[in-house]
Amino acid sequence: MKVLIFGGAGFIGANIARKILEEGGEVLISDDLSRTGSRLNLEWLREKGRVRFFQTDIRHYSGVKEIIHLHRDVDIIFHFAAQVAVTLSVDNPRKDFEINALGTFNILEAVREEGINPPFIFSSTNKVYGGMEKVKVEEKEKRYVLPDYPEGIGEDFPLDFHSPYGCSKGCADQYVRDYARIYGMNTVVLRQSCIYGPRQFGIEDQGWVAHFFISTLLDKPLFIYGNGKQVRDLLYIDDLVELCWKCKDNIEKVKGEIFNVGGGKYNTISLLELLETMERKGMKPRVSFSDPRPGDQKVFICDIRKAKNQLGWKPRVNVEEGIERLLRWIKDNLDIIRSAFT
């Protein structure tokens, strides 16, 4: 198997690449290496098998087109390259748009113009649903809940792009879907909630579970925007990789589809509850609280029944086990992680 991964040195891309290499496949990685830890992930992958690397900025069509043209025999394309931070999108909305919206368009067009049609899996976000301000939210002692959505938020929930990041990813999300409808491309959109696990060099704006552990172990302060009762459903990276494979293996059935992807109603946690978990494990995070960020949902839990019904998929790793695996990886690699943040 020959696989092309845009953003292949990032957290999700590296874990996808690992699986391919373990199965004896060949991995083509396109990445600009701008993310913290991406160079370390690339070095790690090169030790595992056949990896070809292209340092590419997806904002520039010529570079993207050349990669697609030279490797038109790929069996599958994963698009995980993105600007991922809401705050950075507010500071520089043009750059955010060019990476997330234009960059995605460039990849789609390069594939279309080359006349190939491998499965094309795109990493979208729950931020396409906006701040969900009109949804009833109840405040409990340690978390918010959505009483009217006991199964979580489904794919038919109204889109409401909020923040430049939400707009750019939402634009890309819709282009990927529409290229299946208009041009017959084998695309699948995964609107992801909180994905976590090894090889995640979490920062404040992305990868918050890893960020909490890494910052505390490196004796750095944590900043929480809001009261900490915000809730997300957590999906361990191995479960996301399994879903990607199910999409690939069933592409004729699911091309053009959109799936909300997360841990679902049984794998949720609030920021305050994660802090309590850390304290039970003997950690002492230094926490400060600030105002909520624009477009930040008080609760987001994916309704994952569509993926279950169409693909027979469901998460296998629960939150407690997943957090323990992540923490073990961080502790075992703390010196390497420290070097990535200095």
C-alpha atoms as a PDB file:
ATOM      1  CA  MET A   1       0.000   0.000   0.000  1.00  0.00           C
ATOM      2  CA  LYS A   2       1.218   3.467  -0.930  1.00  0.00           C
ATOM      3  CA  VAL A   3      -0.290   6.303   1.095  1.00  0.00           C
ATOM      4  CA  LEU A   4       0.042  10.078   0.853  1.00  0.00           C
ATOM      5  CA  ILE A   5      -0.521  12.060   4.058  1.00  0.00           C
ATOM      6  CA  PHE A   6      -0.728  15.834   4.029  1.00  0.00           C
ATOM      7  CA  GLY A   7       0.225  16.884   7.550  1.00  0.00           C
ATOM      8  CA  GLY A   8       1.838  13.496   8.018  1.00  0.00           C
ATOM      9  CA  ALA A   9       4.304  14.652  10.667  1.00  0.00           C
ATOM     10  CA  GLY A  10       1.550  15.906  12.953  1.00  0.00           C
ATOM     11  CA  PHE A  11      -0.102  13.948  15.732  1.00  0.00           C
ATOM     12  CA  ILE A  12      -2.847  12.230  13.746  1.00  0.00           C
ATOM     13  CA  GLY A  13      -0.797  11.900  10.575  1.00  0.00           C
ATOM     14  CA  ALA A  14       2.093  10.257  12.418  1.00  0.00           C
ATOM     15  CA  ASN A  15      -0.191   7.663  13.981  1.00  0.00           C
ATOM     16  CA  ILE A  16      -1.788   6.878  10.625  1.00  0.00           C
ATOM     17  CA  ALA A  17       1.697   6.557   9.111  1.00  0.00           C
ATOM     18  CA  ARG A  18       2.791   4.245  11.914  1.00  0.00           C
ATOM     19  CA  LYS A  19      -0.008   1.799  11.126  1.00  0.00           C
ATOM     20  CA  ILE A  20       0.819   1.806   7.413  1.00  0.00           C
ATOM     21  CA  LEU A  21       4.510   1.204   8.074  1.00  0.00           C
ATOM     22  CA  GLU A  22       3.754  -1.587  10.538  1.00  0.00           C
ATOM     23  CA  GLU A  23       1.774  -3.299   7.761  1.00  0.00           C
ATOM     24  CA  GLY A  24       4.711  -2.989   5.365  1.00  0.00           C
ATOM     25  CA  GLY A  25       3.332  -0.104   3.326  1.00  0.00           C
ATOM     26  CA  GLU A  26       5.024   2.973   1.895  1.00  0.00           C
ATOM     27  CA  VAL A  27       4.284   6.419   3.294  1.00  0.00           C
ATOM     28  CA  LEU A  28       4.619   9.743   1.500  1.00  0.00           C
ATOM     29  CA  ILE A  29       4.545  12.621   3.965  1.00  0.00           C
ATOM     30  CA  SER A  30       3.865  16.222   3.017  1.00  0.00           C
ATOM     31  CA  ASP A  31       4.346  18.665   5.882  1.00  0.00           C
ATOM     32  CA  ASP A  32       5.723  22.146   6.485  1.00  0.00           C
ATOM     33  CA  LEU A  33       7.121  21.059   9.898  1.00  0.00           C
ATOM     34  CA  SER A  34       5.793  24.207  11.564  1.00  0.00           C
ATOM     35  CA  ARG A  35       4.016  22.380  14.396  1.00  0.00           C
ATOM     36  CA  THR A  36       5.713  21.677  17.712  1.00  0.00           C
ATOM     37  CA  GLY A  37       7.047  18.124  17.691  1.00  0.00           C
ATOM     38  CA  SER A  38       6.591  17.538  13.950  1.00  0.00           C
ATOM     39  CA  ARG A  39      10.319  17.111  13.294  1.00  0.00           C
ATOM     40  CA  LEU A  40      10.519  14.610  16.150  1.00  0.00           C
ATOM     41  CA  ASN A  41       7.568  12.674  14.741  1.00  0.00           C
ATOM     42  CA  LEU A  42       9.206  12.573  11.309  1.00  0.00           C
ATOM     43  CA  GLU A  43      12.455  11.223  12.760  1.00  0.00           C
ATOM     44  CA  TRP A  44      10.472   8.586  14.678  1.00  0.00           C
ATOM     45  CA  LEU A  45       8.643   7.472  11.529  1.00  0.00           C
ATOM     46  CA  ARG A  46      11.790   7.232   9.448  1.00  0.00           C
ATOM     47  CA  GLU A  47      13.047   4.592  11.846  1.00  0.00           C
ATOM     48  CA  LYS A  48       9.983   2.438  11.218  1.00  0.00           C
ATOM     49  CA  GLY A  49       9.958   1.860   7.474  1.00  0.00           C
ATOM     50  CA  ARG A  50       9.692   3.343   3.997  1.00  0.00           C
ATOM     51  CA  VAL A  51       9.050   7.056   4.376  1.00  0.00           C
ATOM     52  CA  ARG A  52       9.453   9.745   1.722  1.00  0.00           C
ATOM     53  CA  PHE A  53       9.169  13.306   2.935  1.00  0.00           C
ATOM     54  CA  PHE A  54       8.239  16.493   1.085  1.00  0.00           C
ATOM     55  CA  GLN A  55       8.447  19.798   2.925  1.00  0.00           C
ATOM     56  CA  THR A  56       5.441  21.487   1.393  1.00  0.00           C
ATOM     57  CA  ASP A  57       3.334  24.562   2.030  1.00  0.00           C
ATOM     58  CA  ILE A  58      -0.158  23.641   0.830  1.00  0.00           C
ATOM     59  CA  ARG A  59      -0.943  27.312   0.229  1.00  0.00           C
ATOM     60  CA  HIS A  60       1.148  27.051  -2.951  1.00  0.00           C
ATOM     61  CA  TYR A  61      -0.627  25.076  -5.659  1.00  0.00           C
ATOM     62  CA  SER A  62       2.451  24.273  -7.734  1.00  0.00           C
ATOM     63  CA  GLY A  63       4.070  22.278  -4.937  1.00  0.00           C
ATOM     64  CA  VAL A  64       0.895  20.366  -4.153  1.00  0.00           C
ATOM     65  CA  LYS A  65       0.261  19.620  -7.819  1.00  0.00           C
ATOM     66  CA  GLU A  66       3.789  18.309  -8.315  1.00  0.00           C
ATOM     67  CA  ILE A  67       3.449  15.845  -5.437  1.00  0.00           C
ATOM     68  CA  ILE A  68       0.127  14.542  -6.753  1.00  0.00           C
ATOM     69  CA  HIS A  69       1.453  14.285 -10.315  1.00  0.00           C
ATOM     70  CA  LEU A  70       4.605  12.402  -9.350  1.00  0.00           C
ATOM     71  CA  HIS A  71       2.690  10.006  -7.086  1.00  0.00           C
ATOM     72  CA  ARG A  72      -0.587   9.547  -8.899  1.00  0.00           C
ATOM     73  CA  ASP A  73      -0.481   5.812  -8.058  1.00  0.00           C
ATOM     74  CA  VAL A  74      -1.214   6.335  -4.359  1.00  0.00           C
ATOM     75  CA  ASP A  75      -3.844   4.063  -2.857  1.00  0.00           C
ATOM     76  CA  ILE A  76      -5.257   6.623  -0.440  1.00  0.00           C
ATOM     77  CA  ILE A  77      -4.835  10.303   0.486  1.00  0.00           C
ATOM     78  CA  PHE A  78      -5.225  11.648   4.005  1.00  0.00           C
ATOM     79  CA  HIS A  79      -5.540  15.406   4.473  1.00  0.00           C
ATOM     80  CA  PHE A  80      -4.628  16.393   8.043  1.00  0.00           C
ATOM     81  CA  ALA A  81      -2.606  19.549   7.276  1.00  0.00           C
ATOM     82  CA  ALA A  82      -4.125  22.580   8.992  1.00  0.00           C
ATOM     83  CA  GLN A  83      -3.783  25.695  11.068  1.00  0.00           C
ATOM     84  CA  VAL A  84      -5.420  24.446  14.260  1.00  0.00           C
ATOM     85  CA  ALA A  85      -5.540  27.331  16.755  1.00  0.00           C
ATOM     86  CA  VAL A  86      -8.568  29.587  17.204  1.00  0.00           C
ATOM     87  CA  THR A  87      -6.440  32.317  18.779  1.00  0.00           C
ATOM     88  CA  LEU A  88      -3.960  32.336  15.906  1.00  0.00           C
ATOM     89  CA  SER A  89      -6.839  32.495  13.430  1.00  0.00           C
ATOM     90  CA  VAL A  90      -8.089  35.628  15.182  1.00  0.00           C
ATOM     91  CA  ASP A  91      -4.599  37.156  15.126  1.00  0.00           C
ATOM     92  CA  ASN A  92      -3.990  36.290  11.457  1.00  0.00           C
ATOM     93  CA  PRO A  93      -7.215  35.347   9.660  1.00  0.00           C
ATOM     94  CA  ARG A  94      -5.639  35.582   6.193  1.00  0.00           C
ATOM     95  CA  LYS A  95      -2.978  32.974   6.976  1.00  0.00           C
ATOM     96  CA  ASP A  96      -5.607  30.783   8.621  1.00  0.00           C
ATOM     97  CA  PHE A  97      -7.817  30.993   5.514  1.00  0.00           C
ATOM     98  CA  GLU A  98      -4.955  30.308   3.126  1.00  0.00           C
ATOM     99  CA  ILE A  99      -3.866  27.168   4.977  1.00  0.00           C
ATOM    100  CA  ASN A 100      -7.238  25.649   5.843  1.00  0.00           C
ATOM    101  CA  ALA A 101      -9.512  26.750   3.002  1.00  0.00           C
ATOM    102  CA  LEU A 102      -7.185  27.493   0.090  1.00  0.00           C
ATOM    103  CA  GLY A 103      -4.811  24.670   1.026  1.00  0.00           C
ATOM    104  CA  THR A 104      -7.646  22.150   1.016  1.00  0.00           C
ATOM    105  CA  PHE A 105      -8.934  23.498  -2.297  1.00  0.00           C
ATOM    106  CA  ASN A 106      -5.429  23.166  -3.765  1.00  0.00           C
ATOM    107  CA  ILE A 107      -5.239  19.489  -2.800  1.00  0.00           C
ATOM    108  CA  LEU A 108      -8.712  18.730  -4.125  1.00  0.00           C
ATOM    109  CA  GLU A 109      -7.995  20.478  -7.417  1.00  0.00           C
ATOM    110  CA  ALA A 110      -4.641  18.740  -7.854  1.00  0.00           C
ATOM    111  CA  VAL A 111      -6.314  15.361  -7.412  1.00  0.00           C
ATOM    112  CA  ARG A 112      -9.191  16.265  -9.739  1.00  0.00           C
ATOM    113  CA  GLU A 113      -6.952  17.659 -12.462  1.00  0.00           C
ATOM    114  CA  GLU A 114      -4.682  14.618 -12.300  1.00  0.00           C
ATOM    115  CA  GLY A 115      -7.681  12.433 -13.049  1.00  0.00           C
ATOM    116  CA  ILE A 116      -7.156  10.017 -10.163  1.00  0.00           C
ATOM    117  CA  ASN A 117      -9.691   9.051  -7.524  1.00  0.00           C
ATOM    118  CA  PRO A 118      -8.261   7.315  -4.462  1.00  0.00           C
ATOM    119  CA  PRO A 119     -10.129   7.453  -1.129  1.00  0.00           C
ATOM    120  CA  PHE A 120      -9.662  10.959   0.293  1.00  0.00           C
ATOM    121  CA  ILE A 121     -10.097  11.284   4.068  1.00  0.00           C
ATOM    122  CA  PHE A 122     -10.319  14.832   5.456  1.00  0.00           C
ATOM    123  CA  SER A 123      -9.940  15.915   9.065  1.00  0.00           C
ATOM    124  CA  SER A 124     -12.607  18.512   9.889  1.00  0.00           C
ATOM    125  CA  THR A 125     -13.719  19.820  13.283  1.00  0.00           C
ATOM    126  CA  ASN A 126     -16.693  20.207  15.595  1.00  0.00           C
ATOM    127  CA  LYS A 127     -16.075  23.969  15.367  1.00  0.00           C
ATOM    128  CA  VAL A 128     -18.179  23.998  12.187  1.00  0.00           C
ATOM    129  CA  TYR A 129     -21.184  23.976  14.522  1.00  0.00           C
ATOM    130  CA  GLY A 130     -20.144  27.282  16.077  1.00  0.00           C
ATOM    131  CA  GLY A 131     -20.634  28.258  19.700  1.00  0.00           C
ATOM    132  CA  MET A 132     -24.058  26.572  19.837  1.00  0.00           C
ATOM    133  CA  GLU A 133     -25.382  29.526  21.828  1.00  0.00           C
ATOM    134  CA  LYS A 134     -29.039  28.625  21.239  1.00  0.00           C
ATOM    135  CA  VAL A 135     -28.703  25.126  22.665  1.00  0.00           C
ATOM    136  CA  LYS A 136     -29.964  24.653  26.213  1.00  0.00           C
ATOM    137  CA  VAL A 137     -27.078  24.086  28.610  1.00  0.00           C
ATOM    138  CA  GLU A 138     -27.410  23.100  32.261  1.00  0.00           C
ATOM    139  CA  GLU A 139     -24.649  23.864  34.745  1.00  0.00           C
ATOM    140  CA  LYS A 140     -23.781  21.166  37.252  1.00  0.00           C
ATOM    141  CA  GLU A 141     -21.176  21.196  40.005  1.00  0.00           C
ATOM    142  CA  LYS A 142     -18.242  20.171  37.813  1.00  0.00           C
ATOM    143  CA  ARG A 143     -19.567  20.194  34.249  1.00  0.00           C
ATOM    144  CA  TYR A 144     -22.065  21.490  31.748  1.00  0.00           C
ATOM    145  CA  VAL A 145     -24.639  19.135  30.203  1.00  0.00           C
ATOM    146  CA  LEU A 146     -26.917  19.220  27.146  1.00  0.00           C
ATOM    147  CA  PRO A 147     -30.287  17.948  28.396  1.00  0.00           C
ATOM    148  CA  ASP A 148     -31.925  18.056  24.957  1.00  0.00           C
ATOM    149  CA  TYR A 149     -29.163  16.030  23.249  1.00  0.00           C
ATOM    150  CA  PRO A 150     -28.604  12.897  25.360  1.00  0.00           C
ATOM    151  CA  GLU A 151     -26.828  11.123  22.465  1.00  0.00           C
ATOM    152  CA  GLY A 152     -24.727  14.155  21.550  1.00  0.00           C
ATOM    153  CA  ILE A 153     -24.638  16.361  18.465  1.00  0.00           C
ATOM    154  CA  GLY A 154     -25.406  14.697  15.139  1.00  0.00           C
ATOM    155  CA  GLU A 155     -24.277  15.510  11.616  1.00  0.00           C
ATOM    156  CA  ASP A 156     -27.619  17.195  10.864  1.00  0.00           C
ATOM    157  CA  PHE A 157     -27.066  19.882  13.498  1.00  0.00           C
ATOM    158  CA  PRO A 158     -27.082  23.340  11.812  1.00  0.00           C
ATOM    159  CA  LEU A 159     -23.714  24.664  10.676  1.00  0.00           C
ATOM    160  CA  ASP A 160     -22.711  27.996  12.192  1.00  0.00           C
ATOM    161  CA  PHE A 161     -19.069  28.838  11.524  1.00  0.00           C
ATOM    162  CA  HIS A 162     -17.683  30.960  14.377  1.00  0.00           C
ATOM    163  CA  SER A 163     -14.172  32.450  14.531  1.00  0.00           C
ATOM    164  CA  PRO A 164     -11.891  32.627  11.500  1.00  0.00           C
ATOM    165  CA  TYR A 165     -10.776  29.077  12.290  1.00  0.00           C
ATOM    166  CA  GLY A 166     -14.360  27.827  12.246  1.00  0.00           C
ATOM    167  CA  CYS A 167     -14.953  29.632   8.945  1.00  0.00           C
ATOM    168  CA  SER A 168     -11.829  28.309   7.218  1.00  0.00           C
ATOM    169  CA  LYS A 169     -12.337  24.718   8.352  1.00  0.00           C
ATOM    170  CA  GLY A 170     -16.037  24.927   7.578  1.00  0.00           C
ATOM    171  CA  CYS A 171     -15.260  26.142   4.063  1.00  0.00           C
ATOM    172  CA  ALA A 172     -12.834  23.262   3.548  1.00  0.00           C
ATOM    173  CA  ASP A 173     -15.332  20.805   5.031  1.00  0.00           C
ATOM    174  CA  GLN A 174     -17.980  21.805   2.490  1.00  0.00           C
ATOM    175  CA  TYR A 175     -15.571  21.775  -0.460  1.00  0.00           C
ATOM    176  CA  VAL A 176     -14.471  18.238   0.387  1.00  0.00           C
ATOM    177  CA  ARG A 177     -18.070  17.109   0.595  1.00  0.00           C
ATOM    178  CA  ASP A 178     -19.067  18.860  -2.614  1.00  0.00           C
ATOM    179  CA  TYR A 179     -16.191  17.414  -4.648  1.00  0.00           C
ATOM    180  CA  ALA A 180     -17.803  14.039  -4.028  1.00  0.00           C
ATOM    181  CA  ARG A 181     -21.169  15.308  -5.241  1.00  0.00           C
ATOM    182  CA  ILE A 182     -20.005  17.347  -8.238  1.00  0.00           C
ATOM    183  CA  TYR A 183     -16.914  15.465  -9.402  1.00  0.00           C
ATOM    184  CA  GLY A 184     -17.545  11.989  -8.006  1.00  0.00           C
ATOM    185  CA  MET A 185     -14.440  12.029  -5.832  1.00  0.00           C
ATOM    186  CA  ASN A 186     -14.130   9.432  -3.074  1.00  0.00           C
ATOM    187  CA  THR A 187     -14.069  11.889  -0.195  1.00  0.00           C
ATOM    188  CA  VAL A 188     -15.059  11.442   3.449  1.00  0.00           C
ATOM    189  CA  VAL A 189     -15.261  14.240   6.035  1.00  0.00           C
ATOM    190  CA  LEU A 190     -14.515  13.451   9.690  1.00  0.00           C
ATOM    191  CA  ARG A 191     -15.751  16.212  12.011  1.00  0.00           C
ATOM    192  CA  GLN A 192     -13.545  15.467  14.966  1.00  0.00           C
ATOM    193  CA  SER A 193     -14.050  16.283  18.604  1.00  0.00           C
ATOM    194  CA  CYS A 194     -11.096  15.854  21.005  1.00  0.00           C
ATOM    195  CA  ILE A 195      -8.552  13.319  19.745  1.00  0.00           C
ATOM    196  CA  TYR A 196      -5.694  12.405  22.101  1.00  0.00           C
ATOM    197  CA  GLY A 197      -2.864   9.943  22.519  1.00  0.00           C
ATOM    198  CA  PRO A 198       0.882   9.318  21.990  1.00  0.00           C
ATOM    199  CA  ARG A 199       2.905  11.557  19.638  1.00  0.00           C
ATOM    200  CA  GLN A 200       0.706  14.507  20.610  1.00  0.00           C
ATOM    201  CA  PHE A 201       2.789  17.531  21.564  1.00  0.00           C
ATOM    202  CA  GLY A 202      -0.246  19.351  22.917  1.00  0.00           C
ATOM    203  CA  ILE A 203      -0.450  23.120  23.067  1.00  0.00           C
ATOM    204  CA  GLU A 204      -2.999  25.425  24.656  1.00  0.00           C
ATOM    205  CA  ASP A 205      -5.125  25.712  21.514  1.00  0.00           C
ATOM    206  CA  GLN A 206      -4.952  22.125  20.351  1.00  0.00           C
ATOM    207  CA  GLY A 207      -4.474  18.840  22.127  1.00  0.00           C
ATOM    208  CA  TRP A 208      -5.590  20.157  25.507  1.00  0.00           C
ATOM    209  CA  VAL A 209      -5.454  16.824  27.358  1.00  0.00           C
ATOM    210  CA  ALA A 210      -1.800  16.309  26.437  1.00  0.00           C
ATOM    211  CA  HIS A 211      -1.168  20.021  27.045  1.00  0.00           C
ATOM    212  CA  PHE A 212      -2.433  19.743  30.629  1.00  0.00           C
ATOM    213  CA  PHE A 213      -0.097  16.846  31.417  1.00  0.00           C
ATOM    214  CA  ILE A 214       2.931  18.194  29.560  1.00  0.00           C
ATOM    215  CA  SER A 215       2.705  21.670  31.082  1.00  0.00           C
ATOM    216  CA  THR A 216       2.323  20.303  34.595  1.00  0.00           C
ATOM    217  CA  LEU A 217       5.209  17.854  34.264  1.00  0.00           C
ATOM    218  CA  LEU A 218       7.374  20.667  32.875  1.00  0.00           C
ATOM    219  CA  ASP A 219       6.240  22.917  35.758  1.00  0.00           C
ATOM    220  CA  LYS A 220       4.533  25.411  33.475  1.00  0.00           C
ATOM    221  CA  PRO A 221       1.282  27.220  34.325  1.00  0.00           C
ATOM    222  CA  LEU A 222      -2.080  26.250  32.868  1.00  0.00           C
ATOM    223  CA  PHE A 223      -4.638  28.804  31.704  1.00  0.00           C
ATOM    224  CA  ILE A 224      -8.304  27.855  31.522  1.00  0.00           C
ATOM    225  CA  TYR A 225     -10.649  30.054  29.515  1.00  0.00           C
ATOM    226  CA  GLY A 226     -14.007  29.977  31.261  1.00  0.00           C
ATOM    227  CA  ASN A 227     -14.882  28.237  34.517  1.00  0.00           C
ATOM    228  CA  GLY A 228     -13.496  24.822  33.589  1.00  0.00           C
ATOM    229  CA  LYS A 229     -16.891  23.125  33.352  1.00  0.00           C
ATOM    230  CA  GLN A 230     -16.574  22.821  29.562  1.00  0.00           C
ATOM    231  CA  VAL A 231     -17.067  19.226  28.417  1.00  0.00           C
ATOM    232  CA  ARG A 232     -15.667  17.312  25.454  1.00  0.00           C
ATOM    233  CA  ASP A 233     -15.882  13.708  24.371  1.00  0.00           C
ATOM    234  CA  LEU A 234     -12.433  12.177  24.097  1.00  0.00           C
ATOM    235  CA  LEU A 235     -11.410   9.744  21.364  1.00  0.00           C
ATOM    236  CA  TYR A 236      -8.163   7.826  21.695  1.00  0.00           C
ATOM    237  CA  ILE A 237      -6.012   7.997  18.568  1.00  0.00           C
ATOM    238  CA  ASP A 238      -6.060   4.241  17.886  1.00  0.00           C
ATOM    239  CA  ASP A 239      -9.843   4.377  17.608  1.00  0.00           C
ATOM    240  CA  LEU A 240      -9.638   7.222  15.086  1.00  0.00           C
ATOM    241  CA  VAL A 241      -7.096   5.247  13.039  1.00  0.00           C
ATOM    242  CA  GLU A 242      -9.471   2.285  13.027  1.00  0.00           C
ATOM    243  CA  LEU A 243     -12.295   4.511  11.751  1.00  0.00           C
ATOM    244  CA  CYS A 244     -10.084   5.843   8.952  1.00  0.00           C
ATOM    245  CA  TRP A 245      -9.382   2.269   7.878  1.00  0.00           C
ATOM    246  CA  LYS A 246     -13.067   1.404   7.903  1.00  0.00           C
ATOM    247  CA  CYS A 247     -13.750   4.426   5.689  1.00  0.00           C
ATOM    248  CA  LYS A 248     -11.012   3.308   3.288  1.00  0.00           C
ATOM    249  CA  ASP A 249     -12.253  -0.270   3.153  1.00  0.00           C
ATOM    250  CA  ASN A 250     -15.870   0.812   2.605  1.00  0.00           C
ATOM    251  CA  ILE A 251     -15.290   3.840   0.393  1.00  0.00           C
ATOM    252  CA  GLU A 252     -17.983   2.940  -2.143  1.00  0.00           C
ATOM    253  CA  LYS A 253     -20.500   2.938   0.677  1.00  0.00           C
ATOM    254  CA  VAL A 254     -19.414   6.107   2.476  1.00  0.00           C
ATOM    255  CA  LYS A 255     -17.965   8.401  -0.223  1.00  0.00           C
ATOM    256  CA  GLY A 256     -19.450  11.863   0.107  1.00  0.00           C
ATOM    257  CA  GLU A 257     -20.443  11.210   3.715  1.00  0.00           C
ATOM    258  CA  ILE A 258     -19.739  13.281   6.829  1.00  0.00           C
ATOM    259  CA  PHE A 259     -19.233  11.689  10.231  1.00  0.00           C
ATOM    260  CA  ASN A 260     -19.100  13.294  13.664  1.00  0.00           C
ATOM    261  CA  VAL A 261     -16.170  11.580  15.311  1.00  0.00           C
ATOM    262  CA  GLY A 262     -15.424  11.494  19.022  1.00  0.00           C
ATOM    263  CA  GLY A 263     -15.639   9.323  22.058  1.00  0.00           C
ATOM    264  CA  GLY A 264     -19.404   9.760  22.274  1.00  0.00           C
ATOM    265  CA  LYS A 265     -21.565  10.036  25.368  1.00  0.00           C
ATOM    266  CA  TYR A 266     -19.662   7.362  27.306  1.00  0.00           C
ATOM    267  CA  ASN A 267     -16.241   9.047  26.997  1.00  0.00           C
ATOM    268  CA  THR A 268     -16.702  12.607  28.221  1.00  0.00           C
ATOM    269  CA  ILE A 269     -14.755  14.760  30.640  1.00  0.00           C
ATOM    270  CA  SER A 270     -14.723  18.368  31.781  1.00  0.00           C
ATOM    271  CA  LEU A 271     -11.612  20.452  32.314  1.00  0.00           C
ATOM    272  CA  LEU A 272     -12.240  20.462  36.069  1.00  0.00           C
ATOM    273  CA  GLU A 273     -12.628  16.682  36.059  1.00  0.00           C
ATOM    274  CA  LEU A 274      -9.339  16.275  34.211  1.00  0.00           C
ATOM    275  CA  LEU A 275      -7.631  18.469  36.808  1.00  0.00           C
ATOM    276  CA  GLU A 276      -9.036  16.218  39.533  1.00  0.00           C
ATOM    277  CA  THR A 277      -7.740  13.172  37.659  1.00  0.00           C
ATOM    278  CA  MET A 278      -4.293  14.728  37.526  1.00  0.00           C
ATOM    279  CA  GLU A 279      -4.329  15.444  41.247  1.00  0.00           C
ATOM    280  CA  ARG A 280      -5.312  11.845  42.012  1.00  0.00           C
ATOM    281  CA  LYS A 281      -2.242  10.806  40.047  1.00  0.00           C
ATOM    282  CA  GLY A 282      -0.048  12.963  42.298  1.00  0.00           C
ATOM    283  CA  MET A 283       0.301  15.910  39.918  1.00  0.00           C
ATOM    284  CA  LYS A 284      -0.052  19.523  41.002  1.00  0.00           C
ATOM    285  CA  PRO A 285      -1.111  21.743  38.090  1.00  0.00           C
ATOM    286  CA  ARG A 286      -0.748  25.510  38.492  1.00  0.00           C
ATOM    287  CA  VAL A 287      -4.037  26.855  37.134  1.00  0.00           C
ATOM    288  CA  SER A 288      -5.307  30.346  36.308  1.00  0.00           C
ATOM    289  CA  PHE A 289      -8.752  31.180  34.941  1.00  0.00           C
ATOM    290  CA  SER A 290      -9.632  33.760  32.289  1.00  0.00           C
ATOM    291  CA  ASP A 291     -12.542  34.814  30.057  1.00  0.00           C
ATOM    292  CA  PRO A 292     -13.983  32.302  27.552  1.00  0.00           C
ATOM    293  CA  ARG A 293     -12.616  32.372  24.002  1.00  0.00           C
ATOM    294  CA  PRO A 294     -14.786  33.272  20.988  1.00  0.00           C
ATOM    295  CA  GLY A 295     -16.789  30.381  19.594  1.00  0.00           C
ATOM    296  CA  ASP A 296     -15.828  28.028  22.427  1.00  0.00           C
ATOM    297  CA  GLN A 297     -18.617  25.509  22.993  1.00  0.00           C
ATOM    298  CA  LYS A 298     -19.553  24.899  26.625  1.00  0.00           C
ATOM    299  CA  VAL A 299     -20.305  21.293  25.733  1.00  0.00           C
ATOM    300  CA  PHE A 300     -19.575  19.272  22.665  1.00  0.00           C
ATOM    301  CA  ILE A 301     -20.300  15.561  22.564  1.00  0.00           C
ATOM    302  CA  CYS A 302     -20.490  13.725  19.251  1.00  0.00           C
ATOM    303  CA  ASP A 303     -23.452  11.585  18.400  1.00  0.00           C
ATOM    304  CA  ILE A 304     -21.455   8.739  16.855  1.00  0.00           C
ATOM    305  CA  ARG A 305     -24.369   6.502  15.868  1.00  0.00           C
ATOM    306  CA  LYS A 306     -23.993   7.220  12.147  1.00  0.00           C
ATOM    307  CA  ALA A 307     -20.448   5.803  12.079  1.00  0.00           C
ATOM    308  CA  LYS A 308     -21.625   2.856  14.149  1.00  0.00           C
ATOM    309  CA  ASN A 309     -24.581   2.125  11.871  1.00  0.00           C
ATOM    310  CA  GLN A 310     -22.777   2.556   8.552  1.00  0.00           C
ATOM    311  CA  LEU A 311     -19.340   1.198   9.439  1.00  0.00           C
ATOM    312  CA  GLY A 312     -19.808  -0.932  12.525  1.00  0.00           C
ATOM    313  CA  TRP A 313     -17.371   1.319  14.385  1.00  0.00           C
ATOM    314  CA  LYS A 314     -17.308   2.393  18.000  1.00  0.00           C
ATOM    315  CA  PRO A 315     -14.567   3.509  20.419  1.00  0.00           C
ATOM    316  CA  ARG A 316     -12.733   0.707  22.179  1.00  0.00           C
ATOM    317  CA  VAL A 317     -10.494   2.683  24.542  1.00  0.00           C
ATOM    318  CA  ASN A 318     -12.298   4.384  27.424  1.00  0.00           C
ATOM    319  CA  VAL A 319     -11.212   7.702  28.895  1.00  0.00           C
ATOM    320  CA  GLU A 320      -9.521   6.254  31.966  1.00  0.00           C
ATOM    321  CA  GLU A 321      -7.425   3.795  29.961  1.00  0.00           C
ATOM    322  CA  GLY A 322      -6.636   6.334  27.229  1.00  0.00           C
ATOM    323  CA  ILE A 323      -5.452   8.967  29.678  1.00  0.00           C
ATOM    324  CA  GLU A 324      -3.240   6.411  31.397  1.00  0.00           C
ATOM    325  CA  ARG A 325      -1.674   5.419  28.042  1.00  0.00           C
ATOM    326  CA  LEU A 326      -1.077   9.056  27.114  1.00  0.00           C
ATOM    327  CA  LEU A 327       0.451   9.876  30.479  1.00  0.00           C
ATOM    328  CA  ARG A 328       2.745   6.858  30.250  1.00  0.00           C
ATOM    329  CA  TRP A 329       3.981   7.990  26.829  1.00  0.00           C
ATOM    330  CA  ILE A 330       4.594  11.536  28.076  1.00  0.00           C
ATOM    331  CA  LYS A 331       6.545  10.353  31.121  1.00  0.00           C
ATOM    332  CA  ASP A 332       8.593   7.906  29.046  1.00  0.00           C
ATOM    333  CA  ASN A 333       9.466  10.643  26.546  1.00  0.00           C
ATOM    334  CA  LEU A 334       9.623  13.696  28.777  1.00  0.00           C
ATOM    335  CA  ASP A 335      13.178  14.637  27.792  1.00  0.00           C
ATOM    336  CA  ILE A 336      12.275  14.557  24.091  1.00  0.00           C
ATOM    337  CA  ILE A 337       9.081  16.504  24.758  1.00  0.00           C
ATOM    338  CA  ARG A 338      11.000  19.071  26.785  1.00  0.00           C
ATOM    339  CA  SER A 339      13.369  19.608  23.869  1.00  0.00           C
ATOM    340  CA  ALA A 340      10.396  20.304  21.571  1.00  0.00           C
ATOM    341  CA  PHE A 341       9.201  23.114  23.811  1.00  0.00           C
ATOM    342  CA  THR A 342      12.567  24.844  24.282  1.00  0.00           C
END
